[in-house]
Amino acid sequence: MMRQHFIRCAVIGGAFGLMAAATQSASAQNLLTNGNLDQCYAQEIVPGFFLPKPRNWVNDGSRAISGPYEDEMSSEPWAGPAPTPVTTDGDANPPDGVGIGADGGVFFKPFSGNATDGAATGHLYQDVAGAPGQTYTLTGWAGGEANALMQDAVLAIEFRNAGGLISMSSLSMLPTLVTPNGQAFNYKQYSVSGLAPVGTTIVRARVSMIGAMSNPAGGGQAFVVDDFVLSVPEPTSLAVVALGALGLVARRRRA
């Protein structure tokens, strides 16, 4: 009897999991603003020199010796090619004169780390209102050229409140980031999920370049990212899916 009960539970769980995944991808909304990174603003890198960076996102760059700096990343029109989704939210004629056209991505610069200034670390993140007990999923595209030298490249969801970080779910993309796959920049889609703990009021979606250094061998050293989605299943969708899964199991038992 115990074995039979376990099998039935496994079938219910499997049916629910498959149907929930399909429903989430179809109905969950992106909680991020400018998740496709197309809309930009002009950021002064050094006096009189500006580069585009994605609106509604915060970027934080520093080098281990010289400290904070702004040239750890920039938005670029060539940084988000296929297989990333084609999006057209960018402004070809931005009012501040700095933009990337309709579609683009973010270019992290591992080669900006060096012996004089120290290893380079850059974080790109966006905060949204969060609630405890919800499971959040962050997906995004990332790729790297073969000669990019980094200690890590991370996709993360941080659960926070006014006091700071409570907990975090993170994924190291480095093991597969530069693995050749026949795509531009070896682009691949990554995903990380986490359950918001008690006390969560803020959910932070983050992608990071950590401990990067210029490669003395030269060659292509880009680390690029594009098209992020932060989502949570809608409660009404989950209720419908649960009923559907139970009905499916019931039909199987009658058969």
Protein backbone atom coordinates (compact mmCIF):
# COMPACT_ATOMS: atom_id res chain seq x y z
CA MET A 1 0.00 0.00 0.00
CA MET A 2 2.79 2.41 0.81
CA ARG A 3 4.39 1.78 -2.57
CA GLN A 4 1.09 2.33 -4.40
CA HIS A 5 0.45 5.57 -2.47
CA PHE A 6 3.92 6.86 -3.34
CA ILE A 7 3.42 6.22 -7.05
CA ARG A 8 0.12 8.06 -7.09
CA CYS A 9 1.68 11.05 -5.36
CA ALA A 10 4.50 11.04 -7.88
CA VAL A 11 2.01 11.09 -10.76
CA ILE A 12 0.10 13.99 -9.23
CA GLY A 13 3.31 15.89 -8.61
CA GLY A 14 4.59 15.21 -12.12
CA ALA A 15 1.35 16.29 -13.81
CA PHE A 16 1.11 19.39 -11.66
CA GLY A 17 4.74 20.31 -12.27
CA LEU A 18 4.50 20.02 -16.04
CA MET A 19 1.21 21.91 -16.26
CA ALA A 20 2.35 24.58 -13.80
CA ALA A 21 5.51 25.18 -15.79
CA ALA A 22 3.51 25.62 -18.99
CA THR A 23 1.02 27.92 -17.30
CA GLN A 24 3.73 30.04 -15.69
CA SER A 25 5.56 30.58 -18.97
CA ALA A 26 2.30 31.50 -20.71
CA SER A 27 0.70 33.77 -18.11
CA ALA A 28 3.33 35.08 -15.67
CA GLN A 29 4.15 38.73 -16.19
CA ASN A 30 7.62 40.23 -16.25
CA LEU A 31 8.07 42.22 -13.05
CA LEU A 32 11.05 44.08 -14.49
CA THR A 33 10.89 47.40 -16.31
CA ASN A 34 13.04 47.50 -19.45
CA GLY A 35 13.88 43.85 -18.99
CA ASN A 36 15.03 43.65 -22.61
CA LEU A 37 17.65 46.36 -21.89
CA ASP A 38 16.76 48.32 -25.04
CA GLN A 39 15.94 51.68 -23.43
CA CYS A 40 19.02 53.65 -22.41
CA TYR A 41 20.26 56.83 -20.77
CA ALA A 42 23.56 58.69 -21.12
CA GLN A 43 26.06 58.02 -18.32
CA GLU A 44 29.19 60.15 -17.98
CA ILE A 45 32.15 57.77 -17.82
CA VAL A 46 34.88 60.37 -17.49
CA PRO A 47 34.40 64.15 -17.76
CA GLY A 48 32.93 64.93 -21.17
CA PHE A 49 32.63 61.29 -22.33
CA PHE A 50 29.27 59.51 -22.20
CA LEU A 51 28.13 55.93 -22.88
CA PRO A 52 24.61 54.43 -22.95
CA LYS A 53 23.42 52.30 -20.05
CA PRO A 54 20.02 50.61 -19.53
CA ARG A 55 17.24 52.69 -18.00
CA ASN A 56 15.59 51.50 -14.77
CA TRP A 57 18.66 49.43 -13.89
CA VAL A 58 21.44 50.25 -11.43
CA ASN A 59 25.02 49.50 -12.34
CA ASP A 60 27.77 49.29 -9.76
CA GLY A 61 31.38 48.91 -10.88
CA SER A 62 34.57 48.75 -8.86
CA ARG A 63 38.18 47.59 -9.15
CA ALA A 64 39.99 45.96 -6.27
CA ILE A 65 42.74 48.61 -6.03
CA SER A 66 41.44 51.87 -7.51
CA GLY A 67 37.82 51.51 -6.38
CA PRO A 68 34.57 52.61 -8.07
CA TYR A 69 34.48 53.27 -11.81
CA GLU A 70 31.83 53.60 -14.52
CA ASP A 71 33.31 51.85 -17.53
CA GLU A 72 32.68 48.29 -16.34
CA MET A 73 29.73 47.93 -18.76
CA SER A 74 27.73 49.74 -21.42
CA SER A 75 24.67 49.20 -23.62
CA GLU A 76 25.59 48.30 -27.18
CA PRO A 77 23.55 47.68 -30.36
CA TRP A 78 25.64 44.61 -31.24
CA ALA A 79 25.46 42.95 -27.80
CA GLY A 80 22.09 41.20 -28.16
CA PRO A 81 21.99 39.24 -31.44
CA ALA A 82 20.19 35.95 -32.07
CA PRO A 83 19.48 33.63 -30.38
CA THR A 84 18.28 36.29 -27.90
CA PRO A 85 14.71 37.51 -28.58
CA VAL A 86 14.28 40.30 -31.12
CA THR A 87 12.90 43.34 -29.28
CA THR A 88 12.28 46.85 -30.54
CA ASP A 89 11.79 49.09 -27.52
CA GLY A 90 14.91 51.18 -28.01
CA ASP A 91 14.87 54.77 -29.24
CA ALA A 92 16.82 55.30 -32.43
CA ASN A 93 16.89 59.05 -31.72
CA PRO A 94 17.09 59.41 -27.93
CA PRO A 95 16.58 62.91 -26.50
CA ASP A 96 19.97 62.86 -24.73
CA GLY A 97 21.74 61.81 -27.93
CA VAL A 98 23.00 58.48 -26.58
CA GLY A 99 21.20 55.29 -27.55
CA ILE A 100 21.55 51.88 -29.16
CA GLY A 101 18.68 51.80 -31.63
CA ALA A 102 15.72 49.45 -31.40
CA ASP A 103 17.40 46.31 -30.04
CA GLY A 104 20.57 45.79 -28.07
CA GLY A 105 22.15 44.28 -24.99
CA VAL A 106 24.68 45.00 -22.24
CA PHE A 107 28.42 44.54 -22.72
CA PHE A 108 30.43 43.82 -19.57
CA LYS A 109 34.15 44.53 -19.94
CA PRO A 110 36.35 41.92 -18.26
CA PHE A 111 39.43 43.51 -19.82
CA SER A 112 38.87 46.65 -17.71
CA GLY A 113 40.54 44.82 -14.83
CA ASN A 114 44.32 45.12 -14.74
CA ALA A 115 47.35 44.88 -12.48
CA THR A 116 47.40 48.61 -11.74
CA ASP A 117 43.72 49.08 -10.85
CA GLY A 118 42.93 45.55 -9.70
CA ALA A 119 40.35 42.95 -10.71
CA ALA A 120 37.07 44.37 -12.02
CA THR A 121 33.64 43.61 -10.61
CA GLY A 122 30.38 44.89 -12.06
CA HIS A 123 26.79 44.41 -10.93
CA LEU A 124 23.68 45.24 -12.94
CA TYR A 125 20.47 45.03 -10.92
CA GLN A 126 16.87 46.15 -10.55
CA ASP A 127 14.68 46.09 -7.43
CA VAL A 128 10.95 45.33 -7.42
CA ALA A 129 8.42 45.00 -4.61
CA GLY A 130 8.44 41.48 -3.16
CA ALA A 131 6.32 39.33 -0.86
CA PRO A 132 7.33 36.44 1.41
CA GLY A 133 6.16 32.97 0.46
CA GLN A 134 6.32 33.60 -3.29
CA THR A 135 8.64 31.69 -5.59
CA TYR A 136 10.44 34.02 -8.00
CA THR A 137 12.20 32.96 -11.19
CA LEU A 138 14.77 35.05 -13.06
CA THR A 139 15.68 34.07 -16.61
CA GLY A 140 18.08 35.81 -18.95
CA TRP A 141 20.52 35.38 -21.77
CA ALA A 142 24.29 35.51 -21.32
CA GLY A 143 27.35 34.68 -23.36
CA GLY A 144 31.09 35.13 -23.37
CA GLU A 145 33.99 35.13 -25.77
CA ALA A 146 36.71 32.53 -25.33
CA ASN A 147 39.35 34.85 -23.83
CA ALA A 148 37.16 36.50 -21.19
CA LEU A 149 38.87 36.07 -17.80
CA MET A 150 36.58 36.20 -14.75
CA GLN A 151 36.44 34.59 -11.35
CA ASP A 152 32.70 34.24 -11.83
CA ALA A 153 29.66 35.36 -13.83
CA VAL A 154 26.51 35.21 -11.71
CA LEU A 155 22.75 35.35 -12.17
CA ALA A 156 21.04 36.00 -8.83
CA ILE A 157 17.80 36.79 -7.04
CA GLU A 158 18.27 38.64 -3.75
CA PHE A 159 15.54 38.79 -1.13
CA ARG A 160 15.83 42.01 0.85
CA ASN A 161 14.07 44.47 3.14
CA ALA A 162 14.90 47.95 4.42
CA GLY A 163 17.66 46.45 6.54
CA GLY A 164 19.44 44.84 3.61
CA LEU A 165 19.96 41.32 2.29
CA ILE A 166 18.00 38.46 3.89
CA SER A 167 18.87 35.59 1.57
CA MET A 168 19.82 34.91 -2.03
CA SER A 169 19.46 32.32 -4.78
CA SER A 170 22.29 32.42 -7.30
CA LEU A 171 23.66 30.56 -10.29
CA SER A 172 27.26 30.54 -11.51
CA MET A 173 27.13 30.76 -15.30
CA LEU A 174 30.90 30.54 -15.67
CA PRO A 175 31.16 26.75 -16.25
CA THR A 176 29.23 27.01 -19.53
CA LEU A 177 29.45 30.72 -20.40
CA VAL A 178 32.11 30.43 -23.11
CA THR A 179 31.35 26.86 -24.17
CA PRO A 180 31.01 26.96 -27.97
CA ASN A 181 27.46 26.41 -29.21
CA GLY A 182 27.50 27.93 -32.68
CA GLN A 183 25.74 31.13 -31.53
CA ALA A 184 27.05 34.68 -31.46
CA PHE A 185 29.06 35.21 -28.23
CA ASN A 186 28.11 31.60 -27.33
CA TYR A 187 24.80 33.02 -26.05
CA LYS A 188 22.73 30.71 -23.81
CA GLN A 189 19.63 31.14 -21.65
CA TYR A 190 20.00 30.76 -17.88
CA SER A 191 17.48 30.60 -15.06
CA VAL A 192 17.47 30.73 -11.25
CA SER A 193 14.56 30.46 -8.80
CA GLY A 194 14.09 31.13 -5.11
CA LEU A 195 11.43 31.23 -2.40
CA ALA A 196 11.09 34.62 -0.71
CA PRO A 197 11.62 34.18 3.06
CA VAL A 198 9.74 35.87 5.87
CA GLY A 199 10.47 39.59 5.96
CA THR A 200 10.97 40.02 2.21
CA THR A 201 9.76 43.36 0.86
CA ILE A 202 12.21 43.77 -2.04
CA VAL A 203 13.31 41.32 -4.71
CA ARG A 204 16.49 42.21 -6.57
CA ALA A 205 17.24 40.74 -10.00
CA ARG A 206 21.00 40.83 -10.57
CA VAL A 207 23.65 39.78 -13.07
CA SER A 208 27.31 40.20 -12.16
CA MET A 209 30.83 40.06 -13.53
CA ILE A 210 33.17 39.18 -10.66
CA GLY A 211 36.95 39.40 -10.40
CA ALA A 212 37.66 40.07 -14.08
CA MET A 213 41.07 40.75 -15.57
CA SER A 214 42.44 41.63 -18.98
CA ASN A 215 43.72 38.56 -20.78
CA PRO A 216 47.37 39.01 -21.78
CA ALA A 217 46.72 36.74 -24.76
CA GLY A 218 44.32 39.35 -26.17
CA GLY A 219 41.49 38.19 -28.41
CA GLY A 220 37.75 38.44 -27.82
CA GLN A 221 36.97 39.08 -24.13
CA ALA A 222 33.34 40.24 -24.12
CA PHE A 223 30.75 39.15 -21.54
CA VAL A 224 27.26 40.03 -22.82
CA VAL A 225 23.74 39.78 -21.41
CA ASP A 226 20.22 40.50 -22.66
CA ASP A 227 16.47 39.99 -22.19
CA PHE A 228 15.73 39.34 -18.51
CA VAL A 229 12.39 38.20 -17.10
CA LEU A 230 11.56 38.12 -13.38
CA SER A 231 8.26 36.34 -12.77
CA VAL A 232 6.12 34.61 -10.18
CA PRO A 233 3.23 32.23 -10.92
CA GLU A 234 -0.19 33.84 -10.63
CA PRO A 235 -2.22 32.30 -7.76
CA THR A 236 -5.36 31.95 -9.89
CA SER A 237 -3.40 30.12 -12.58
CA LEU A 238 -1.95 27.72 -10.03
CA ALA A 239 -5.42 26.92 -8.66
CA VAL A 240 -6.71 26.10 -12.12
CA VAL A 241 -3.64 24.00 -12.89
CA ALA A 242 -4.02 22.06 -9.63
CA LEU A 243 -7.62 21.14 -10.47
CA GLY A 244 -6.62 20.18 -14.00
CA ALA A 245 -3.80 17.97 -12.75
CA LEU A 246 -6.06 16.19 -10.27
CA GLY A 247 -8.62 15.62 -13.01
CA LEU A 248 -5.95 14.15 -15.27
CA VAL A 249 -4.88 11.69 -12.57
CA ALA A 250 -8.50 10.75 -11.88
CA ARG A 251 -9.07 9.96 -15.56
CA ARG A 252 -5.94 7.82 -15.61
CA ARG A 253 -7.15 5.85 -12.58
CA ARG A 254 -10.56 5.22 -14.15
CA ALA A 255 -8.92 4.05 -17.35
